[in-house]
Amino acid sequence: AGRYAHARQMRRAYREIKRLKTYLG
């Protein structure tokens, strides 16, 4: 997520953030 956000690949970054939220849930 950090790498994708740094590279301005926001759709991929948001997908990884959603994955982290799923793991937490």
PDB file of all heavy atoms in Angstrom:
ATOM      1  N   ALA A   1       0.834  -1.207   0.000  1.00  0.00           N
ATOM      2  CA  ALA A   1       0.000   0.000   0.000  1.00  0.00           C
ATOM      3  C   ALA A   1       0.866   1.254   0.000  1.00  0.00           C
ATOM      4  O   ALA A   1       0.600   2.208  -0.736  1.00  0.00           O
ATOM      5  CB  ALA A   1      -0.931   0.002   1.210  1.00  0.00           C
ATOM      6  N   GLY A   2       1.923   1.249   0.808  1.00  0.00           N
ATOM      7  CA  GLY A   2       2.819   2.394   0.842  1.00  0.00           C
ATOM      8  C   GLY A   2       3.552   2.605  -0.463  1.00  0.00           C
ATOM      9  O   GLY A   2       3.710   3.735  -0.933  1.00  0.00           O
ATOM     10  N   ARG A   3       3.978   1.522  -1.062  1.00  0.00           N
ATOM     11  CA  ARG A   3       4.701   1.627  -2.331  1.00  0.00           C
ATOM     12  C   ARG A   3       3.791   2.106  -3.450  1.00  0.00           C
ATOM     13  O   ARG A   3       4.170   2.943  -4.263  1.00  0.00           O
ATOM     14  CB  ARG A   3       5.323   0.284  -2.700  1.00  0.00           C
ATOM     15  CG  ARG A   3       6.522  -0.047  -1.846  1.00  0.00           C
ATOM     16  CD  ARG A   3       7.108  -1.374  -2.223  1.00  0.00           C
ATOM     17  NE  ARG A   3       8.300  -1.638  -1.425  1.00  0.00           N
ATOM     18  CZ  ARG A   3       8.916  -2.784  -1.381  1.00  0.00           C
ATOM     19  NH1 ARG A   3       8.457  -3.813  -2.087  1.00  0.00           N
ATOM     20  NH2 ARG A   3       9.985  -2.946  -0.639  1.00  0.00           N
ATOM     21  N   TYR A   4       2.575   1.564  -3.508  1.00  0.00           N
ATOM     22  CA  TYR A   4       1.635   1.983  -4.551  1.00  0.00           C
ATOM     23  C   TYR A   4       1.245   3.455  -4.380  1.00  0.00           C
ATOM     24  O   TYR A   4       1.148   4.194  -5.355  1.00  0.00           O
ATOM     25  CB  TYR A   4       0.384   1.110  -4.539  1.00  0.00           C
ATOM     26  CG  TYR A   4       0.597  -0.294  -5.055  1.00  0.00           C
ATOM     27  CD1 TYR A   4      -0.092  -1.363  -4.504  1.00  0.00           C
ATOM     28  CD2 TYR A   4       1.473  -0.552  -6.108  1.00  0.00           C
ATOM     29  CE1 TYR A   4       0.085  -2.654  -4.975  1.00  0.00           C
ATOM     30  CE2 TYR A   4       1.659  -1.830  -6.583  1.00  0.00           C
ATOM     31  CZ  TYR A   4       0.965  -2.880  -6.010  1.00  0.00           C
ATOM     32  OH  TYR A   4       1.139  -4.155  -6.484  1.00  0.00           O
ATOM     33  N   ALA A   5       1.029   3.875  -3.149  1.00  0.00           N
ATOM     34  CA  ALA A   5       0.659   5.274  -2.912  1.00  0.00           C
ATOM     35  C   ALA A   5       1.803   6.208  -3.291  1.00  0.00           C
ATOM     36  O   ALA A   5       1.578   7.288  -3.853  1.00  0.00           O
ATOM     37  CB  ALA A   5       0.270   5.475  -1.456  1.00  0.00           C
ATOM     38  N   HIS A   6       3.034   5.799  -2.998  1.00  0.00           N
ATOM     39  CA  HIS A   6       4.192   6.623  -3.349  1.00  0.00           C
ATOM     40  C   HIS A   6       4.329   6.759  -4.869  1.00  0.00           C
ATOM     41  O   HIS A   6       4.718   7.811  -5.370  1.00  0.00           O
ATOM     42  CB  HIS A   6       5.458   6.007  -2.760  1.00  0.00           C
ATOM     43  CG  HIS A   6       6.697   6.783  -3.062  1.00  0.00           C
ATOM     44  ND1 HIS A   6       6.961   8.001  -2.483  1.00  0.00           N
ATOM     45  CD2 HIS A   6       7.734   6.526  -3.894  1.00  0.00           C
ATOM     46  CE1 HIS A   6       8.116   8.465  -2.945  1.00  0.00           C
ATOM     47  NE2 HIS A   6       8.607   7.584  -3.805  1.00  0.00           N
ATOM     48  N   ALA A   7       3.976   5.698  -5.574  1.00  0.00           N
ATOM     49  CA  ALA A   7       4.070   5.717  -7.035  1.00  0.00           C
ATOM     50  C   ALA A   7       2.816   6.301  -7.685  1.00  0.00           C
ATOM     51  O   ALA A   7       2.672   6.250  -8.898  1.00  0.00           O
ATOM     52  CB  ALA A   7       4.306   4.303  -7.556  1.00  0.00           C
ATOM     53  N   ARG A   8       1.911   6.845  -6.870  1.00  0.00           N
ATOM     54  CA  ARG A   8       0.650   7.445  -7.337  1.00  0.00           C
ATOM     55  C   ARG A   8      -0.239   6.443  -8.067  1.00  0.00           C
ATOM     56  O   ARG A   8      -0.972   6.799  -8.970  1.00  0.00           O
ATOM     57  CB  ARG A   8       0.894   8.663  -8.238  1.00  0.00           C
ATOM     58  CG  ARG A   8       1.686   9.776  -7.610  1.00  0.00           C
ATOM     59  CD  ARG A   8       0.836  10.531  -6.612  1.00  0.00           C
ATOM     60  NE  ARG A   8       1.475  11.750  -6.168  1.00  0.00           N
ATOM     61  CZ  ARG A   8       2.094  11.865  -4.997  1.00  0.00           C
ATOM     62  NH1 ARG A   8       2.175  10.840  -4.195  1.00  0.00           N
ATOM     63  NH2 ARG A   8       2.630  13.009  -4.640  1.00  0.00           N
ATOM     64  N   GLN A   9      -0.142   5.182  -7.677  1.00  0.00           N
ATOM     65  CA  GLN A   9      -1.021   4.147  -8.227  1.00  0.00           C
ATOM     66  C   GLN A   9      -2.112   3.904  -7.189  1.00  0.00           C
ATOM     67  O   GLN A   9      -2.118   2.908  -6.461  1.00  0.00           O
ATOM     68  CB  GLN A   9      -0.222   2.878  -8.518  1.00  0.00           C
ATOM     69  CG  GLN A   9       0.871   3.090  -9.537  1.00  0.00           C
ATOM     70  CD  GLN A   9       1.738   1.864  -9.716  1.00  0.00           C
ATOM     71  OE1 GLN A   9       1.504   0.812  -9.133  1.00  0.00           O
ATOM     72  NE2 GLN A   9       2.771   2.010 -10.537  1.00  0.00           N
ATOM     73  N   MET A  10      -3.045   4.862  -7.134  1.00  0.00           N
ATOM     74  CA  MET A  10      -3.976   4.912  -6.022  1.00  0.00           C
ATOM     75  C   MET A  10      -4.988   3.773  -6.013  1.00  0.00           C
ATOM     76  O   MET A  10      -5.396   3.325  -4.944  1.00  0.00           O
ATOM     77  CB  MET A  10      -4.685   6.266  -5.989  1.00  0.00           C
ATOM     78  CG  MET A  10      -3.720   7.435  -5.801  1.00  0.00           C
ATOM     79  SD  MET A  10      -2.438   7.160  -4.552  1.00  0.00           S
ATOM     80  CE  MET A  10      -3.347   7.434  -3.072  1.00  0.00           C
ATOM     81  N   ARG A  11      -5.399   3.300  -7.160  1.00  0.00           N
ATOM     82  CA  ARG A  11      -6.356   2.182  -7.162  1.00  0.00           C
ATOM     83  C   ARG A  11      -5.729   0.936  -6.535  1.00  0.00           C
ATOM     84  O   ARG A  11      -6.377   0.226  -5.763  1.00  0.00           O
ATOM     85  CB  ARG A  11      -6.817   1.859  -8.572  1.00  0.00           C
ATOM     86  CG  ARG A  11      -7.821   2.833  -9.088  1.00  0.00           C
ATOM     87  CD  ARG A  11      -8.389   2.369 -10.398  1.00  0.00           C
ATOM     88  NE  ARG A  11      -9.333   3.369 -10.880  1.00  0.00           N
ATOM     89  CZ  ARG A  11      -9.895   3.329 -12.062  1.00  0.00           C
ATOM     90  NH1 ARG A  11      -9.613   2.346 -12.900  1.00  0.00           N
ATOM     91  NH2 ARG A  11     -10.737   4.252 -12.429  1.00  0.00           N
ATOM     92  N   ARG A  12      -4.478   0.685  -6.870  1.00  0.00           N
ATOM     93  CA  ARG A  12      -3.785  -0.460  -6.275  1.00  0.00           C
ATOM     94  C   ARG A  12      -3.572  -0.237  -4.778  1.00  0.00           C
ATOM     95  O   ARG A  12      -3.706  -1.166  -3.970  1.00  0.00           O
ATOM     96  CB  ARG A  12      -2.447  -0.685  -6.963  1.00  0.00           C
ATOM     97  CG  ARG A  12      -2.581  -1.211  -8.364  1.00  0.00           C
ATOM     98  CD  ARG A  12      -1.236  -1.364  -9.019  1.00  0.00           C
ATOM     99  NE  ARG A  12      -1.374  -1.922 -10.356  1.00  0.00           N
ATOM    100  CZ  ARG A  12      -0.384  -2.046 -11.207  1.00  0.00           C
ATOM    101  NH1 ARG A  12       0.827  -1.649 -10.872  1.00  0.00           N
ATOM    102  NH2 ARG A  12      -0.592  -2.569 -12.401  1.00  0.00           N
ATOM    103  N   ALA A  13      -3.232   0.993  -4.383  1.00  0.00           N
ATOM    104  CA  ALA A  13      -3.026   1.303  -2.967  1.00  0.00           C
ATOM    105  C   ALA A  13      -4.319   1.108  -2.188  1.00  0.00           C
ATOM    106  O   ALA A  13      -4.319   0.512  -1.105  1.00  0.00           O
ATOM    107  CB  ALA A  13      -2.513   2.727  -2.812  1.00  0.00           C
ATOM    108  N   TYR A  14      -5.442   1.600  -2.718  1.00  0.00           N
ATOM    109  CA  TYR A  14      -6.726   1.454  -2.032  1.00  0.00           C
ATOM    110  C   TYR A  14      -7.130  -0.020  -1.924  1.00  0.00           C
ATOM    111  O   TYR A  14      -7.752  -0.423  -0.948  1.00  0.00           O
ATOM    112  CB  TYR A  14      -7.815   2.250  -2.729  1.00  0.00           C
ATOM    113  CG  TYR A  14      -7.630   3.748  -2.629  1.00  0.00           C
ATOM    114  CD1 TYR A  14      -7.968   4.573  -3.677  1.00  0.00           C
ATOM    115  CD2 TYR A  14      -7.113   4.327  -1.473  1.00  0.00           C
ATOM    116  CE1 TYR A  14      -7.782   5.944  -3.595  1.00  0.00           C
ATOM    117  CE2 TYR A  14      -6.924   5.689  -1.382  1.00  0.00           C
ATOM    118  CZ  TYR A  14      -7.266   6.501  -2.440  1.00  0.00           C
ATOM    119  OH  TYR A  14      -7.085   7.856  -2.347  1.00  0.00           O
ATOM    120  N   ARG A  15      -6.763  -0.820  -2.940  1.00  0.00           N
ATOM    121  CA  ARG A  15      -7.060  -2.248  -2.894  1.00  0.00           C
ATOM    122  C   ARG A  15      -6.307  -2.906  -1.733  1.00  0.00           C
ATOM    123  O   ARG A  15      -6.875  -3.725  -0.998  1.00  0.00           O
ATOM    124  CB  ARG A  15      -6.676  -2.899  -4.217  1.00  0.00           C
ATOM    125  CG  ARG A  15      -7.028  -4.381  -4.274  1.00  0.00           C
ATOM    126  CD  ARG A  15      -6.626  -5.004  -5.580  1.00  0.00           C
ATOM    127  NE  ARG A  15      -5.179  -4.915  -5.757  1.00  0.00           N
ATOM    128  CZ  ARG A  15      -4.566  -4.764  -6.925  1.00  0.00           C
ATOM    129  NH1 ARG A  15      -5.263  -4.653  -8.034  1.00  0.00           N
ATOM    130  NH2 ARG A  15      -3.252  -4.701  -6.991  1.00  0.00           N
ATOM    131  N   GLU A  16      -5.052  -2.514  -1.520  1.00  0.00           N
ATOM    132  CA  GLU A  16      -4.276  -3.088  -0.421  1.00  0.00           C
ATOM    133  C   GLU A  16      -4.792  -2.601   0.936  1.00  0.00           C
ATOM    134  O   GLU A  16      -4.809  -3.357   1.905  1.00  0.00           O
ATOM    135  CB  GLU A  16      -2.790  -2.749  -0.575  1.00  0.00           C
ATOM    136  CG  GLU A  16      -2.139  -3.365  -1.796  1.00  0.00           C
ATOM    137  CD  GLU A  16      -2.185  -4.880  -1.809  1.00  0.00           C
ATOM    138  OE1 GLU A  16      -2.093  -5.514  -0.729  1.00  0.00           O
ATOM    139  OE2 GLU A  16      -2.317  -5.451  -2.903  1.00  0.00           O
ATOM    140  N   ILE A  17      -5.226  -1.330   1.000  1.00  0.00           N
ATOM    141  CA  ILE A  17      -5.788  -0.816   2.248  1.00  0.00           C
ATOM    142  C   ILE A  17      -7.079  -1.554   2.581  1.00  0.00           C
ATOM    143  O   ILE A  17      -7.335  -1.912   3.743  1.00  0.00           O
ATOM    144  CB  ILE A  17      -6.011   0.707   2.149  1.00  0.00           C
ATOM    145  CG1 ILE A  17      -4.665   1.427   2.068  1.00  0.00           C
ATOM    146  CG2 ILE A  17      -6.812   1.216   3.334  1.00  0.00           C
ATOM    147  CD1 ILE A  17      -4.759   2.892   1.728  1.00  0.00           C
ATOM    148  N   LYS A  18      -7.889  -1.819   1.564  1.00  0.00           N
ATOM    149  CA  LYS A  18      -9.119  -2.576   1.779  1.00  0.00           C
ATOM    150  C   LYS A  18      -8.797  -3.990   2.248  1.00  0.00           C
ATOM    151  O   LYS A  18      -9.494  -4.557   3.096  1.00  0.00           O
ATOM    152  CB  LYS A  18      -9.929  -2.623   0.483  1.00  0.00           C
ATOM    153  CG  LYS A  18     -11.275  -3.264   0.647  1.00  0.00           C
ATOM    154  CD  LYS A  18     -12.051  -3.224  -0.637  1.00  0.00           C
ATOM    155  CE  LYS A  18     -13.396  -3.898  -0.452  1.00  0.00           C
ATOM    156  NZ  LYS A  18     -14.128  -4.031  -1.694  1.00  0.00           N
ATOM    157  N   ARG A  19      -7.734  -4.561   1.720  1.00  0.00           N
ATOM    158  CA  ARG A  19      -7.307  -5.897   2.141  1.00  0.00           C
ATOM    159  C   ARG A  19      -6.903  -5.888   3.614  1.00  0.00           C
ATOM    160  O   ARG A  19      -7.254  -6.797   4.373  1.00  0.00           O
ATOM    161  CB  ARG A  19      -6.149  -6.338   1.254  1.00  0.00           C
ATOM    162  CG  ARG A  19      -5.743  -7.762   1.436  1.00  0.00           C
ATOM    163  CD  ARG A  19      -4.810  -8.207   0.330  1.00  0.00           C
ATOM    164  NE  ARG A  19      -5.589  -8.408  -0.891  1.00  0.00           N
ATOM    165  CZ  ARG A  19      -5.099  -8.320  -2.121  1.00  0.00           C
ATOM    166  NH1 ARG A  19      -3.825  -8.025  -2.299  1.00  0.00           N
ATOM    167  NH2 ARG A  19      -5.865  -8.529  -3.157  1.00  0.00           N
ATOM    168  N   LEU A  20      -6.183  -4.842   4.048  1.00  0.00           N
ATOM    169  CA  LEU A  20      -5.800  -4.730   5.461  1.00  0.00           C
ATOM    170  C   LEU A  20      -7.028  -4.597   6.353  1.00  0.00           C
ATOM    171  O   LEU A  20      -7.088  -5.172   7.440  1.00  0.00           O
ATOM    172  CB  LEU A  20      -4.881  -3.526   5.657  1.00  0.00           C
ATOM    173  CG  LEU A  20      -3.440  -3.702   5.185  1.00  0.00           C
ATOM    174  CD1 LEU A  20      -2.745  -2.366   5.111  1.00  0.00           C
ATOM    175  CD2 LEU A  20      -2.707  -4.633   6.119  1.00  0.00           C
ATOM    176  N   LYS A  21      -8.009  -3.837   5.880  1.00  0.00           N
ATOM    177  CA  LYS A  21      -9.246  -3.673   6.640  1.00  0.00           C
ATOM    178  C   LYS A  21      -9.987  -5.006   6.749  1.00  0.00           C
ATOM    179  O   LYS A  21     -10.563  -5.330   7.788  1.00  0.00           O
ATOM    180  CB  LYS A  21     -10.117  -2.621   5.964  1.00  0.00           C
ATOM    181  CG  LYS A  21     -11.306  -2.197   6.770  1.00  0.00           C
ATOM    182  CD  LYS A  21     -12.034  -1.064   6.082  1.00  0.00           C
ATOM    183  CE  LYS A  21     -13.241  -0.634   6.867  1.00  0.00           C
ATOM    184  NZ  LYS A  21     -13.974   0.448   6.226  1.00  0.00           N
ATOM    185  N   THR A  22      -9.936  -5.791   5.684  1.00  0.00           N
ATOM    186  CA  THR A  22     -10.561  -7.118   5.696  1.00  0.00           C
ATOM    187  C   THR A  22      -9.857  -8.029   6.693  1.00  0.00           C
ATOM    188  O   THR A  22     -10.514  -8.749   7.452  1.00  0.00           O
ATOM    189  CB  THR A  22     -10.502  -7.739   4.291  1.00  0.00           C
ATOM    190  OG1 THR A  22     -11.176  -6.873   3.389  1.00  0.00           O
ATOM    191  CG2 THR A  22     -11.142  -9.109   4.265  1.00  0.00           C
ATOM    192  N   TYR A  23      -8.528  -7.999   6.718  1.00  0.00           N
ATOM    193  CA  TYR A  23      -7.778  -8.811   7.675  1.00  0.00           C
ATOM    194  C   TYR A  23      -8.169  -8.439   9.099  1.00  0.00           C
ATOM    195  O   TYR A  23      -8.382  -9.313   9.945  1.00  0.00           O
ATOM    196  CB  TYR A  23      -6.271  -8.627   7.501  1.00  0.00           C
ATOM    197  CG  TYR A  23      -5.702  -9.119   6.196  1.00  0.00           C
ATOM    198  CD1 TYR A  23      -4.471  -8.664   5.751  1.00  0.00           C
ATOM    199  CD2 TYR A  23      -6.367 -10.038   5.395  1.00  0.00           C
ATOM    200  CE1 TYR A  23      -3.923  -9.105   4.560  1.00  0.00           C
ATOM    201  CE2 TYR A  23      -5.824 -10.480   4.201  1.00  0.00           C
ATOM    202  CZ  TYR A  23      -4.611 -10.004   3.798  1.00  0.00           C
ATOM    203  OH  TYR A  23      -4.069 -10.455   2.608  1.00  0.00           O
ATOM    204  N   LEU A  24      -8.264  -7.139   9.379  1.00  0.00           N
ATOM    205  CA  LEU A  24      -8.647  -6.684  10.716  1.00  0.00           C
ATOM    206  C   LEU A  24     -10.049  -7.181  11.065  1.00  0.00           C
ATOM    207  O   LEU A  24     -10.280  -7.694  12.164  1.00  0.00           O
ATOM    208  CB  LEU A  24      -8.583  -5.157  10.798  1.00  0.00           C
ATOM    209  CG  LEU A  24      -9.098  -4.532  12.096  1.00  0.00           C
ATOM    210  CD1 LEU A  24      -8.259  -4.996  13.281  1.00  0.00           C
ATOM    211  CD2 LEU A  24      -9.098  -3.022  11.993  1.00  0.00           C
ATOM    212  N   GLY A  25     -10.981  -7.048  10.140  1.00  0.00           N
ATOM    213  CA  GLY A  25     -12.350  -7.485  10.402  1.00  0.00           C
ATOM    214  C   GLY A  25     -12.444  -8.981  10.657  1.00  0.00           C
ATOM    215  O   GLY A  25     -13.195  -9.424  11.529  1.00  0.00           O
TER     216      GLY A  25
END
